[in-house]
Amino acid sequence: MIKFAIFIMGAVVLGAVALCPCVSAQPPHAPSTRPATVEMAPAKTLDKSAQETLLIMLDAIEANDYANFARHASDEFKETLTQKEFTRAVDLAAARLEKGYTVVYFGEMIKAPYTIHLWKLVFQDKGADLLGEFSLKDDARDKDKVDNFFLH
């Protein structure tokens, strides 16, 4: 039996949870198998074509230019990318992009058939950074076309 206390808006919620015999209270990785440190990824650079596409799409968000943003999207992405969703990205970032920003590239992750690029936006206004990702599909038909684009 595990006892716990949770504080919710000034109130304390107490409870107890009984674990079935099949559930262990131990962490999923025994300390002896867990790495001692988290490794830093090696320095990576975004290839020129993907870099240009990213900057064009950020320019389109800054300018509230849905047509230019969609021009760099894959056919599949265009089918799901609504003006309303694009407007959310504009509302989230456009004014801050206008004041200046830096893109810090973290690297790529392969999730076939996609290459997912991870980066963050550091704004000149010294406010909160945004985590960004976009994916390119590894096929000839939509090569260099963005298949997903997220700002978090």
C-alpha atoms as a PDB file:
ATOM      1  CA  MET A   1       0.000   0.000   0.000  1.00  0.00           C
ATOM      2  CA  ILE A   2       1.380   3.404  -1.005  1.00  0.00           C
ATOM      3  CA  LYS A   3       0.125   6.420   0.916  1.00  0.00           C
ATOM      4  CA  PHE A   4       0.225   9.872  -0.624  1.00  0.00           C
ATOM      5  CA  ALA A   5      -0.766  13.465  -0.055  1.00  0.00           C
ATOM      6  CA  ILE A   6      -1.536  15.893  -2.869  1.00  0.00           C
ATOM      7  CA  PHE A   7      -1.963  19.629  -2.427  1.00  0.00           C
ATOM      8  CA  ILE A   8      -4.643  21.050  -4.742  1.00  0.00           C
ATOM      9  CA  MET A   9      -5.368  24.783  -4.577  1.00  0.00           C
ATOM     10  CA  GLY A  10      -4.608  24.978  -0.868  1.00  0.00           C
ATOM     11  CA  ALA A  11      -6.464  21.773  -0.005  1.00  0.00           C
ATOM     12  CA  VAL A  12      -4.810  18.507   0.861  1.00  0.00           C
ATOM     13  CA  VAL A  13      -6.096  15.339  -0.757  1.00  0.00           C
ATOM     14  CA  LEU A  14      -4.983  12.179   0.989  1.00  0.00           C
ATOM     15  CA  GLY A  15      -5.219   8.714  -0.407  1.00  0.00           C
ATOM     16  CA  ALA A  16      -3.811   5.270  -0.573  1.00  0.00           C
ATOM     17  CA  VAL A  17      -3.194   2.979  -3.511  1.00  0.00           C
ATOM     18  CA  ALA A  18      -2.874  -0.760  -3.248  1.00  0.00           C
ATOM     19  CA  LEU A  19      -0.664  -2.235  -5.935  1.00  0.00           C
ATOM     20  CA  CYS A  20      -1.492  -5.578  -7.436  1.00  0.00           C
ATOM     21  CA  PRO A  21       1.297  -8.166  -7.174  1.00  0.00           C
ATOM     22  CA  CYS A  22       2.086  -7.672 -10.868  1.00  0.00           C
ATOM     23  CA  VAL A  23       3.060  -4.003 -10.359  1.00  0.00           C
ATOM     24  CA  SER A  24       6.350  -3.162  -8.766  1.00  0.00           C
ATOM     25  CA  ALA A  25       6.940   0.009  -6.775  1.00  0.00           C
ATOM     26  CA  GLN A  26      10.522  -0.020  -8.093  1.00  0.00           C
ATOM     27  CA  PRO A  27      11.506   2.281 -10.956  1.00  0.00           C
ATOM     28  CA  PRO A  28      11.343   0.635 -14.395  1.00  0.00           C
ATOM     29  CA  HIS A  29      15.154   0.624 -14.638  1.00  0.00           C
ATOM     30  CA  ALA A  30      17.209  -0.785 -11.827  1.00  0.00           C
ATOM     31  CA  PRO A  31      19.920   1.696 -10.802  1.00  0.00           C
ATOM     32  CA  SER A  32      22.638  -0.668 -11.983  1.00  0.00           C
ATOM     33  CA  THR A  33      21.344  -0.587 -15.609  1.00  0.00           C
ATOM     34  CA  ARG A  34      20.507   3.108 -15.788  1.00  0.00           C
ATOM     35  CA  PRO A  35      23.199   5.327 -17.346  1.00  0.00           C
ATOM     36  CA  ALA A  36      25.062   7.492 -14.871  1.00  0.00           C
ATOM     37  CA  THR A  37      24.792  10.586 -17.073  1.00  0.00           C
ATOM     38  CA  VAL A  38      22.767  11.973 -19.939  1.00  0.00           C
ATOM     39  CA  GLU A  39      24.947  12.439 -22.998  1.00  0.00           C
ATOM     40  CA  MET A  40      24.923  15.595 -25.067  1.00  0.00           C
ATOM     41  CA  ALA A  41      24.244  15.151 -28.762  1.00  0.00           C
ATOM     42  CA  PRO A  42      27.155  15.973 -31.044  1.00  0.00           C
ATOM     43  CA  ALA A  43      26.981  19.368 -32.727  1.00  0.00           C
ATOM     44  CA  LYS A  44      24.872  19.155 -35.882  1.00  0.00           C
ATOM     45  CA  THR A  45      24.054  21.563 -38.639  1.00  0.00           C
ATOM     46  CA  LEU A  46      20.852  21.664 -40.586  1.00  0.00           C
ATOM     47  CA  ASP A  47      21.407  21.031 -44.300  1.00  0.00           C
ATOM     48  CA  LYS A  48      21.070  24.150 -46.469  1.00  0.00           C
ATOM     49  CA  SER A  49      17.820  23.128 -48.171  1.00  0.00           C
ATOM     50  CA  ALA A  50      16.036  22.300 -44.899  1.00  0.00           C
ATOM     51  CA  GLN A  51      17.474  25.446 -43.288  1.00  0.00           C
ATOM     52  CA  GLU A  52      16.136  27.643 -46.090  1.00  0.00           C
ATOM     53  CA  THR A  53      12.715  25.967 -45.877  1.00  0.00           C
ATOM     54  CA  LEU A  54      12.561  26.498 -42.105  1.00  0.00           C
ATOM     55  CA  LEU A  55      13.470  30.188 -42.392  1.00  0.00           C
ATOM     56  CA  ILE A  56      10.924  30.740 -45.186  1.00  0.00           C
ATOM     57  CA  MET A  57       8.202  29.136 -43.071  1.00  0.00           C
ATOM     58  CA  LEU A  58       9.136  31.267 -40.058  1.00  0.00           C
ATOM     59  CA  ASP A  59       9.038  34.351 -42.323  1.00  0.00           C
ATOM     60  CA  ALA A  60       5.559  33.283 -43.467  1.00  0.00           C
ATOM     61  CA  ILE A  61       4.382  33.013 -39.843  1.00  0.00           C
ATOM     62  CA  GLU A  62       5.849  36.439 -39.062  1.00  0.00           C
ATOM     63  CA  ALA A  63       4.109  37.949 -42.118  1.00  0.00           C
ATOM     64  CA  ASN A  64       0.854  36.018 -41.557  1.00  0.00           C
ATOM     65  CA  ASP A  65       1.260  34.628 -45.092  1.00  0.00           C
ATOM     66  CA  TYR A  66      -0.682  31.365 -45.183  1.00  0.00           C
ATOM     67  CA  ALA A  67      -0.145  30.885 -48.942  1.00  0.00           C
ATOM     68  CA  ASN A  68       3.651  31.076 -48.673  1.00  0.00           C
ATOM     69  CA  PHE A  69       3.664  28.763 -45.661  1.00  0.00           C
ATOM     70  CA  ALA A  70       1.482  26.199 -47.467  1.00  0.00           C
ATOM     71  CA  ARG A  71       3.654  26.423 -50.616  1.00  0.00           C
ATOM     72  CA  HIS A  72       6.404  24.602 -48.689  1.00  0.00           C
ATOM     73  CA  ALA A  73       4.092  21.946 -47.241  1.00  0.00           C
ATOM     74  CA  SER A  74       3.667  18.451 -48.633  1.00  0.00           C
ATOM     75  CA  ASP A  75       0.375  17.604 -50.331  1.00  0.00           C
ATOM     76  CA  GLU A  76      -0.590  15.514 -47.297  1.00  0.00           C
ATOM     77  CA  PHE A  77       0.187  18.362 -44.878  1.00  0.00           C
ATOM     78  CA  LYS A  78      -1.761  20.865 -47.015  1.00  0.00           C
ATOM     79  CA  GLU A  79      -4.864  18.671 -46.687  1.00  0.00           C
ATOM     80  CA  THR A  80      -4.794  18.993 -42.890  1.00  0.00           C
ATOM     81  CA  LEU A  81      -3.323  22.489 -42.473  1.00  0.00           C
ATOM     82  CA  THR A  82      -6.230  24.850 -41.939  1.00  0.00           C
ATOM     83  CA  GLN A  83      -6.121  28.630 -41.876  1.00  0.00           C
ATOM     84  CA  LYS A  84      -7.279  28.412 -38.246  1.00  0.00           C
ATOM     85  CA  GLU A  85      -4.303  26.246 -37.254  1.00  0.00           C
ATOM     86  CA  PHE A  86      -1.933  28.555 -39.098  1.00  0.00           C
ATOM     87  CA  THR A  87      -3.469  31.550 -37.312  1.00  0.00           C
ATOM     88  CA  ARG A  88      -2.687  29.872 -33.965  1.00  0.00           C
ATOM     89  CA  ALA A  89       0.996  29.761 -34.921  1.00  0.00           C
ATOM     90  CA  VAL A  90       0.825  33.408 -36.001  1.00  0.00           C
ATOM     91  CA  ASP A  91      -0.825  34.383 -32.703  1.00  0.00           C
ATOM     92  CA  LEU A  92       1.791  32.451 -30.753  1.00  0.00           C
ATOM     93  CA  ALA A  93       4.917  33.752 -32.447  1.00  0.00           C
ATOM     94  CA  ALA A  94       4.526  36.466 -35.111  1.00  0.00           C
ATOM     95  CA  ALA A  95       4.883  39.550 -32.910  1.00  0.00           C
ATOM     96  CA  ARG A  96       7.889  38.026 -31.164  1.00  0.00           C
ATOM     97  CA  LEU A  97       9.503  36.961 -34.455  1.00  0.00           C
ATOM     98  CA  GLU A  98       9.235  40.568 -35.690  1.00  0.00           C
ATOM     99  CA  LYS A  99      11.346  41.754 -32.728  1.00  0.00           C
ATOM    100  CA  GLY A 100      14.163  39.353 -33.592  1.00  0.00           C
ATOM    101  CA  TYR A 101      15.070  35.766 -32.845  1.00  0.00           C
ATOM    102  CA  THR A 102      17.726  33.098 -33.151  1.00  0.00           C
ATOM    103  CA  VAL A 103      17.153  29.506 -34.243  1.00  0.00           C
ATOM    104  CA  VAL A 104      19.136  26.958 -32.216  1.00  0.00           C
ATOM    105  CA  TYR A 105      19.240  23.615 -34.030  1.00  0.00           C
ATOM    106  CA  PHE A 106      19.331  20.486 -31.854  1.00  0.00           C
ATOM    107  CA  GLY A 107      19.542  17.816 -34.518  1.00  0.00           C
ATOM    108  CA  GLU A 108      17.451  15.301 -36.356  1.00  0.00           C
ATOM    109  CA  MET A 109      15.626  12.145 -35.472  1.00  0.00           C
ATOM    110  CA  ILE A 110      14.881   9.452 -38.032  1.00  0.00           C
ATOM    111  CA  LYS A 111      11.391   7.990 -37.803  1.00  0.00           C
ATOM    112  CA  ALA A 112      10.953   6.309 -41.170  1.00  0.00           C
ATOM    113  CA  PRO A 113       9.760   7.498 -43.578  1.00  0.00           C
ATOM    114  CA  TYR A 114      10.406  10.920 -41.969  1.00  0.00           C
ATOM    115  CA  THR A 115      13.379  12.943 -40.838  1.00  0.00           C
ATOM    116  CA  ILE A 116      12.280  15.092 -37.901  1.00  0.00           C
ATOM    117  CA  HIS A 117      14.294  18.241 -37.205  1.00  0.00           C
ATOM    118  CA  LEU A 118      14.286  19.661 -33.656  1.00  0.00           C
ATOM    119  CA  TRP A 119      15.148  23.269 -32.780  1.00  0.00           C
ATOM    120  CA  LYS A 120      14.205  26.141 -30.529  1.00  0.00           C
ATOM    121  CA  LEU A 121      13.451  29.787 -31.068  1.00  0.00           C
ATOM    122  CA  VAL A 122      15.231  32.161 -28.697  1.00  0.00           C
ATOM    123  CA  PHE A 123      13.545  35.548 -28.859  1.00  0.00           C
ATOM    124  CA  GLN A 124      15.174  38.962 -28.474  1.00  0.00           C
ATOM    125  CA  ASP A 125      12.408  39.936 -26.030  1.00  0.00           C
ATOM    126  CA  LYS A 126      13.984  37.513 -23.509  1.00  0.00           C
ATOM    127  CA  GLY A 127      10.613  35.801 -23.020  1.00  0.00           C
ATOM    128  CA  ALA A 128      10.081  32.064 -23.033  1.00  0.00           C
ATOM    129  CA  ASP A 129      11.712  30.078 -25.821  1.00  0.00           C
ATOM    130  CA  LEU A 130       9.615  27.934 -28.142  1.00  0.00           C
ATOM    131  CA  LEU A 131      10.512  24.366 -29.058  1.00  0.00           C
ATOM    132  CA  GLY A 132      10.037  23.682 -32.740  1.00  0.00           C
ATOM    133  CA  GLU A 133       9.995  20.671 -34.971  1.00  0.00           C
ATOM    134  CA  PHE A 134       9.296  19.972 -38.576  1.00  0.00           C
ATOM    135  CA  SER A 135       9.466  16.768 -40.538  1.00  0.00           C
ATOM    136  CA  LEU A 136      10.460  16.021 -44.093  1.00  0.00           C
ATOM    137  CA  LYS A 137       9.239  12.863 -45.764  1.00  0.00           C
ATOM    138  CA  ASP A 138      12.019  10.805 -47.309  1.00  0.00           C
ATOM    139  CA  ASP A 139      10.468  10.183 -50.710  1.00  0.00           C
ATOM    140  CA  ALA A 140      11.008  11.625 -54.157  1.00  0.00           C
ATOM    141  CA  ARG A 141       7.478  12.996 -54.628  1.00  0.00           C
ATOM    142  CA  ASP A 142       7.495  15.434 -51.699  1.00  0.00           C
ATOM    143  CA  LYS A 143      11.249  15.803 -51.197  1.00  0.00           C
ATOM    144  CA  ASP A 144      12.047  19.072 -49.413  1.00  0.00           C
ATOM    145  CA  LYS A 145       8.382  19.588 -48.548  1.00  0.00           C
ATOM    146  CA  VAL A 146       7.444  19.919 -44.881  1.00  0.00           C
ATOM    147  CA  ASP A 147       5.077  17.197 -43.676  1.00  0.00           C
ATOM    148  CA  ASN A 148       4.517  18.546 -40.144  1.00  0.00           C
ATOM    149  CA  PHE A 149       5.431  21.768 -38.372  1.00  0.00           C
ATOM    150  CA  PHE A 150       5.017  22.374 -34.631  1.00  0.00           C
ATOM    151  CA  LEU A 151       5.789  25.180 -32.211  1.00  0.00           C
ATOM    152  CA  HIS A 152       5.502  24.258 -28.535  1.00  0.00           C
END
